[in-house]
Amino acid sequence: MGTVNHTDISHTVFHLLGIPGLEDQHMWISIPFFISYITALLGNSLLIFIILTRPSLHEPMYLFLCMLAGADIVLSTSTVPQALSIFWFHAGEISLDRCITQLFFIHSTFISESGILLVMAFDRYIAICYPLRYITVLTKSLIGKIGVGIFLRSYGTIFPIIFLLKRLTFCRTNILPHTACEHAGLSKYACNDLQVHIWYGFFVLMSTVNLDVVLIFVSYVLILRAVFHMPSQDARHKALNTCGSHVCVIILFYGPGIFSTLNHQFGYKISTGVHVLLANVCILAPPMLNPIIYGVKTKQIRDQVTHVLFLKVI
């Protein structure tokens, strides 16, 4: 599976190395991966179950949280089992079609989560700035349409990448120094001109994640302006407290990604293995910690979790 430089040969099978330079530590590295994945599956599944089965939680904020939990399960399932198979069984071989399918779900789910975080910011904006109109504005019908719009946007923007990748000739190498397939990491091993890929990737990033970040920032500027105009300190504290969980999740979701991007741009002396680890943290941390954050900081969810896990057992 070495490097091949003949443009008439296009690889259809690739080999994922896992974490380069740390191959002898793969078994130990697999432990936090496995724990994170099980925690994400159990935590998000429990969150979805509680929200769907408790009528008192059928409010816009919790329905959006249910969408986020579902996206977290898809994101972690798209990546962690593949990584564990490499760590445990050295099963890094993957076909081009499977590789493209994996990166499609990784990128589209990431964009979906970004969109869900944006509408959750909009939810907090309406709840704080227009509390009397909250229920009439965010109806279940509108929430359903927003959910469909989020997933259509994510799948619609990533879908063309499938056809762009299928047209490439992968003649450089079929060895990928990563635990999963991703667009930039796969396309750079093609012998074709990648200008279309570069510009389309830039368009997707600017029209989805970057736009979401700007709109979330604007939402919280408006929220803070409304909060500091409240006459009562208790009212200000209560309003800010309702945003606490969402702000933590936003930092957890975008923070590692920004840090990883900065490392790619300026961390020339950082090894490939560290870059791969940081990329995995971006995928592992949010699905594992999001249910914990909302469980700890949201009383309604905390009470329902206690009821499901403990009172029924007693």
Protein backbone atom coordinates (compact mmCIF):
# COMPACT_ATOMS: atom_id res chain seq x y z
CA MET A 1 0.00 0.00 0.00
CA GLY A 2 2.81 2.40 -0.72
CA THR A 3 2.86 5.54 -2.77
CA VAL A 4 2.05 5.29 -6.45
CA ASN A 5 2.74 8.15 -8.83
CA HIS A 6 1.11 6.91 -12.03
CA THR A 7 -1.86 9.00 -13.04
CA ASP A 8 -3.45 6.03 -14.82
CA ILE A 9 -3.90 4.27 -11.46
CA SER A 10 -6.63 5.40 -9.08
CA HIS A 11 -6.86 3.80 -5.67
CA THR A 12 -10.26 2.46 -4.65
CA VAL A 13 -9.10 1.07 -1.29
CA PHE A 14 -7.40 3.11 1.43
CA HIS A 15 -5.69 2.32 4.71
CA LEU A 16 -6.36 4.43 7.81
CA LEU A 17 -3.33 4.50 10.10
CA GLY A 18 -5.14 5.63 13.26
CA ILE A 19 -2.92 8.08 15.14
CA PRO A 20 0.48 8.32 13.40
CA GLY A 21 3.50 8.01 15.67
CA LEU A 22 1.44 6.53 18.48
CA GLU A 23 0.70 3.12 16.99
CA ASP A 24 2.22 1.33 19.98
CA GLN A 25 -0.16 3.26 22.27
CA HIS A 26 -3.33 2.50 20.32
CA MET A 27 -4.66 0.03 22.90
CA TRP A 28 -4.34 2.60 25.70
CA ILE A 29 -5.77 5.39 23.55
CA SER A 30 -8.77 3.20 22.76
CA ILE A 31 -9.88 3.28 26.44
CA PRO A 32 -10.96 6.97 26.54
CA PHE A 33 -12.41 6.57 23.04
CA PHE A 34 -14.55 3.64 24.17
CA ILE A 35 -15.64 5.30 27.42
CA SER A 36 -16.51 8.52 25.58
CA TYR A 37 -18.56 6.64 22.98
CA ILE A 38 -20.54 4.60 25.52
CA THR A 39 -21.15 7.73 27.61
CA ALA A 40 -22.35 9.61 24.51
CA LEU A 41 -24.68 6.79 23.45
CA LEU A 42 -26.20 6.28 26.90
CA GLY A 43 -26.39 9.97 27.81
CA ASN A 44 -27.96 11.17 24.56
CA SER A 45 -30.32 8.19 24.30
CA LEU A 46 -31.52 8.83 27.85
CA LEU A 47 -31.96 12.52 27.04
CA ILE A 48 -34.04 11.75 23.94
CA PHE A 49 -36.15 9.19 25.86
CA ILE A 50 -36.89 11.60 28.70
CA ILE A 51 -37.78 14.51 26.42
CA LEU A 52 -40.04 12.44 24.15
CA THR A 53 -41.86 10.62 26.97
CA ARG A 54 -42.40 13.56 29.35
CA PRO A 55 -45.17 15.96 28.15
CA SER A 56 -43.83 18.64 30.50
CA LEU A 57 -40.64 18.74 28.42
CA HIS A 58 -42.40 19.19 25.07
CA GLU A 59 -41.26 22.80 24.94
CA PRO A 60 -39.17 24.37 22.14
CA MET A 61 -35.92 24.43 24.13
CA TYR A 62 -36.12 20.71 24.95
CA LEU A 63 -37.23 19.70 21.45
CA PHE A 64 -34.19 21.46 20.00
CA LEU A 65 -32.07 19.71 22.63
CA CYS A 66 -33.56 16.41 21.48
CA MET A 67 -32.41 17.20 17.91
CA LEU A 68 -28.93 18.00 19.22
CA ALA A 69 -28.78 14.70 21.11
CA GLY A 70 -29.78 12.78 17.98
CA ALA A 71 -27.09 14.54 15.94
CA ASP A 72 -24.53 13.75 18.67
CA ILE A 73 -25.32 10.03 18.39
CA VAL A 74 -24.91 10.11 14.59
CA LEU A 75 -21.65 12.08 14.78
CA SER A 76 -19.99 9.79 17.33
CA THR A 77 -21.27 6.62 15.61
CA SER A 78 -19.87 7.82 12.29
CA THR A 79 -16.35 7.98 13.68
CA VAL A 80 -15.64 6.13 16.93
CA PRO A 81 -16.44 2.52 15.86
CA GLN A 82 -14.05 2.94 12.91
CA ALA A 83 -11.34 4.26 15.23
CA LEU A 84 -11.84 1.41 17.70
CA SER A 85 -11.59 -1.18 14.93
CA ILE A 86 -8.20 0.32 14.00
CA PHE A 87 -6.99 0.39 17.61
CA TRP A 88 -8.20 -3.11 18.51
CA PHE A 89 -8.04 -5.13 15.30
CA HIS A 90 -5.76 -3.08 12.99
CA ALA A 91 -8.73 -2.98 10.63
CA GLY A 92 -7.87 0.27 8.87
CA GLU A 93 -8.74 -0.82 5.35
CA ILE A 94 -11.64 1.11 3.87
CA SER A 95 -13.06 1.32 0.34
CA LEU A 96 -13.39 4.65 -1.44
CA ASP A 97 -17.19 4.44 -1.33
CA ARG A 98 -17.21 3.75 2.42
CA CYS A 99 -14.69 6.56 2.94
CA ILE A 100 -16.86 9.05 1.05
CA THR A 101 -19.97 7.87 2.92
CA GLN A 102 -18.22 8.34 6.25
CA LEU A 103 -16.99 11.85 5.49
CA PHE A 104 -20.46 12.76 4.18
CA PHE A 105 -22.09 11.89 7.50
CA ILE A 106 -19.29 13.48 9.56
CA HIS A 107 -19.40 16.83 7.73
CA SER A 108 -23.19 16.99 7.31
CA THR A 109 -23.82 16.10 10.97
CA PHE A 110 -21.28 18.71 12.09
CA ILE A 111 -23.14 21.34 10.05
CA SER A 112 -26.45 20.08 11.47
CA GLU A 113 -25.19 20.54 15.03
CA SER A 114 -24.02 24.05 14.19
CA GLY A 115 -27.48 24.86 12.82
CA ILE A 116 -29.19 23.40 15.90
CA LEU A 117 -27.00 25.54 18.18
CA LEU A 118 -28.04 28.58 16.13
CA VAL A 119 -31.77 27.90 16.51
CA MET A 120 -31.23 27.24 20.24
CA ALA A 121 -29.71 30.73 20.45
CA PHE A 122 -32.78 32.06 18.62
CA ASP A 123 -34.96 30.16 21.12
CA ARG A 124 -33.21 31.87 24.06
CA TYR A 125 -33.51 35.24 22.31
CA ILE A 126 -37.30 34.89 21.94
CA ALA A 127 -37.68 33.52 25.49
CA ILE A 128 -35.82 36.45 27.07
CA CYS A 129 -36.64 39.36 24.76
CA TYR A 130 -40.27 38.41 23.94
CA PRO A 131 -41.40 36.07 26.75
CA LEU A 132 -45.12 36.71 26.23
CA ARG A 133 -44.88 35.70 22.56
CA TYR A 134 -42.63 32.68 23.14
CA ILE A 135 -45.27 29.96 22.77
CA THR A 136 -47.09 31.66 19.89
CA VAL A 137 -43.88 32.23 17.89
CA LEU A 138 -42.17 28.88 18.43
CA THR A 139 -45.05 26.56 17.65
CA LYS A 140 -44.52 22.82 17.16
CA SER A 141 -45.24 23.28 13.46
CA LEU A 142 -42.49 25.89 13.15
CA ILE A 143 -40.07 23.72 15.17
CA GLY A 144 -40.70 20.84 12.77
CA LYS A 145 -40.05 23.06 9.76
CA ILE A 146 -36.87 24.42 11.36
CA GLY A 147 -35.66 20.86 12.00
CA VAL A 148 -36.29 19.85 8.39
CA GLY A 149 -34.57 23.02 7.18
CA ILE A 150 -31.48 22.33 9.30
CA PHE A 151 -31.02 18.83 7.93
CA LEU A 152 -31.81 19.84 4.32
CA ARG A 153 -29.16 22.56 4.56
CA SER A 154 -26.53 20.21 5.98
CA TYR A 155 -27.15 17.37 3.55
CA GLY A 156 -27.68 19.71 0.60
CA THR A 157 -24.36 21.54 1.05
CA ILE A 158 -22.31 18.35 1.54
CA PHE A 159 -24.01 16.20 -1.10
CA PRO A 160 -22.14 17.75 -4.08
CA ILE A 161 -18.84 16.74 -2.44
CA ILE A 162 -19.71 13.10 -3.18
CA PHE A 163 -19.67 13.78 -6.93
CA LEU A 164 -16.59 16.00 -6.70
CA LEU A 165 -14.64 13.24 -4.92
CA LYS A 166 -15.88 10.49 -7.25
CA ARG A 167 -14.36 12.39 -10.21
CA LEU A 168 -10.87 12.49 -8.68
CA THR A 169 -7.99 10.18 -9.51
CA PHE A 170 -6.26 9.07 -6.31
CA CYS A 171 -2.83 8.20 -7.61
CA ARG A 172 -0.53 9.67 -4.92
CA THR A 173 -1.07 7.27 -2.02
CA ASN A 174 -3.76 5.19 -0.39
CA ILE A 175 -2.45 5.59 3.15
CA LEU A 176 -4.44 8.09 5.25
CA PRO A 177 -2.83 9.23 8.54
CA HIS A 178 -6.11 9.52 10.43
CA THR A 179 -8.78 7.54 12.28
CA ALA A 180 -11.52 8.61 9.85
CA CYS A 181 -12.03 10.02 6.37
CA GLU A 182 -12.54 13.73 5.86
CA HIS A 183 -12.78 15.86 2.74
CA ALA A 184 -9.52 17.83 2.84
CA GLY A 185 -7.52 14.82 4.06
CA LEU A 186 -8.75 12.60 1.22
CA SER A 187 -8.76 15.06 -1.68
CA LYS A 188 -5.14 16.17 -1.15
CA TYR A 189 -3.96 12.72 -2.30
CA ALA A 190 -5.58 13.18 -5.72
CA CYS A 191 -3.57 14.11 -8.81
CA ASN A 192 -6.25 16.40 -10.20
CA ASP A 193 -6.61 20.16 -9.96
CA LEU A 194 -8.34 20.84 -6.62
CA GLN A 195 -9.40 24.45 -7.18
CA VAL A 196 -13.09 23.52 -7.32
CA HIS A 197 -12.76 21.53 -4.08
CA ILE A 198 -10.97 24.37 -2.32
CA TRP A 199 -13.48 27.01 -3.35
CA TYR A 200 -16.51 24.83 -2.71
CA GLY A 201 -15.16 23.88 0.73
CA PHE A 202 -14.66 27.59 1.47
CA PHE A 203 -18.22 28.33 0.32
CA VAL A 204 -19.67 25.58 2.54
CA LEU A 205 -17.71 26.79 5.57
CA MET A 206 -18.68 30.44 5.09
CA SER A 207 -22.37 29.75 4.36
CA THR A 208 -22.90 27.35 7.26
CA VAL A 209 -20.61 27.21 10.30
CA ASN A 210 -19.09 30.70 10.01
CA LEU A 211 -22.50 32.26 9.34
CA ASP A 212 -23.96 30.37 12.31
CA VAL A 213 -21.21 31.67 14.61
CA VAL A 214 -21.88 35.27 13.54
CA LEU A 215 -25.65 34.92 14.03
CA ILE A 216 -25.18 33.25 17.45
CA PHE A 217 -22.91 36.12 18.49
CA VAL A 218 -25.52 38.68 17.33
CA SER A 219 -28.26 36.78 19.21
CA TYR A 220 -26.31 36.91 22.46
CA VAL A 221 -25.48 40.59 22.03
CA LEU A 222 -29.23 41.25 21.79
CA ILE A 223 -29.91 38.92 24.73
CA LEU A 224 -27.32 40.65 26.94
CA ARG A 225 -28.68 44.07 25.99
CA ALA A 226 -32.18 42.96 26.99
CA VAL A 227 -30.94 41.34 30.22
CA PHE A 228 -29.06 44.42 31.43
CA HIS A 229 -32.16 46.53 30.85
CA MET A 230 -34.16 44.38 33.27
CA PRO A 231 -35.00 46.29 36.48
CA SER A 232 -34.61 43.35 38.89
CA GLN A 233 -31.28 41.68 39.67
CA ASP A 234 -33.12 38.40 40.29
CA ALA A 235 -34.71 38.62 36.84
CA ARG A 236 -31.30 39.26 35.28
CA HIS A 237 -29.79 36.31 37.13
CA LYS A 238 -32.66 34.00 36.11
CA ALA A 239 -32.44 35.07 32.46
CA LEU A 240 -28.68 34.53 32.31
CA ASN A 241 -29.02 31.19 34.07
CA THR A 242 -31.35 29.90 31.34
CA CYS A 243 -28.56 30.58 28.81
CA GLY A 244 -25.77 28.97 30.85
CA SER A 245 -26.12 25.44 29.46
CA HIS A 246 -26.33 26.66 25.88
CA VAL A 247 -23.25 28.87 26.22
CA CYS A 248 -21.25 25.94 27.66
CA VAL A 249 -22.29 23.71 24.75
CA ILE A 250 -21.40 26.43 22.21
CA ILE A 251 -17.90 26.79 23.68
CA LEU A 252 -17.48 23.02 23.79
CA PHE A 253 -18.59 22.63 20.16
CA TYR A 254 -16.73 25.49 18.47
CA GLY A 255 -13.76 25.83 20.85
CA PRO A 256 -11.83 22.63 19.97
CA GLY A 257 -12.55 23.18 16.27
CA ILE A 258 -11.12 26.71 16.33
CA PHE A 259 -8.11 25.50 18.33
CA SER A 260 -7.54 22.64 15.88
CA THR A 261 -7.77 25.03 12.90
CA LEU A 262 -5.25 27.40 14.47
CA ASN A 263 -2.90 24.47 15.08
CA HIS A 264 -3.13 23.46 11.43
CA GLN A 265 -2.36 27.02 10.33
CA PHE A 266 0.40 27.92 12.79
CA GLY A 267 1.46 24.71 14.54
CA TYR A 268 4.10 23.67 12.04
CA LYS A 269 6.21 21.96 14.69
CA ILE A 270 3.30 19.93 16.07
CA SER A 271 3.30 16.30 14.95
CA THR A 272 0.58 14.78 12.74
CA GLY A 273 -0.44 12.53 15.64
CA VAL A 274 -1.29 15.54 17.81
CA HIS A 275 -3.33 17.09 15.00
CA VAL A 276 -5.27 13.82 14.63
CA LEU A 277 -5.87 13.64 18.40
CA LEU A 278 -7.20 17.22 18.41
CA ALA A 279 -9.50 16.42 15.50
CA ASN A 280 -10.87 13.44 17.44
CA VAL A 281 -11.42 15.60 20.54
CA CYS A 282 -13.62 17.88 18.39
CA ILE A 283 -15.81 14.87 17.64
CA LEU A 284 -15.59 12.99 20.96
CA ALA A 285 -16.06 15.75 23.53
CA PRO A 286 -19.39 17.41 22.56
CA PRO A 287 -21.50 14.20 22.26
CA MET A 288 -20.14 12.93 25.57
CA LEU A 289 -20.43 16.16 27.58
CA ASN A 290 -23.59 17.78 26.16
CA PRO A 291 -26.03 15.50 28.08
CA ILE A 292 -23.97 15.95 31.26
CA ILE A 293 -24.01 19.74 30.93
CA TYR A 294 -27.77 19.90 30.42
CA GLY A 295 -28.38 17.26 33.09
CA VAL A 296 -26.39 19.22 35.66
CA LYS A 297 -27.50 22.78 34.81
CA THR A 298 -31.17 22.21 33.86
CA LYS A 299 -33.39 21.39 36.85
CA GLN A 300 -36.27 19.94 34.81
CA ILE A 301 -34.00 17.44 33.07
CA ARG A 302 -32.08 16.68 36.26
CA ASP A 303 -35.33 15.87 38.09
CA GLN A 304 -36.57 13.62 35.29
CA VAL A 305 -33.24 11.76 35.08
CA THR A 306 -33.34 11.19 38.84
CA HIS A 307 -36.89 9.88 38.55
CA VAL A 308 -36.05 7.49 35.69
CA LEU A 309 -32.77 6.17 37.10
CA PHE A 310 -33.50 5.99 40.81
CA LEU A 311 -37.16 6.26 41.78
CA LYS A 312 -38.26 3.51 39.39
CA VAL A 313 -35.58 1.22 40.72
CA ILE A 314 -36.76 1.83 44.27
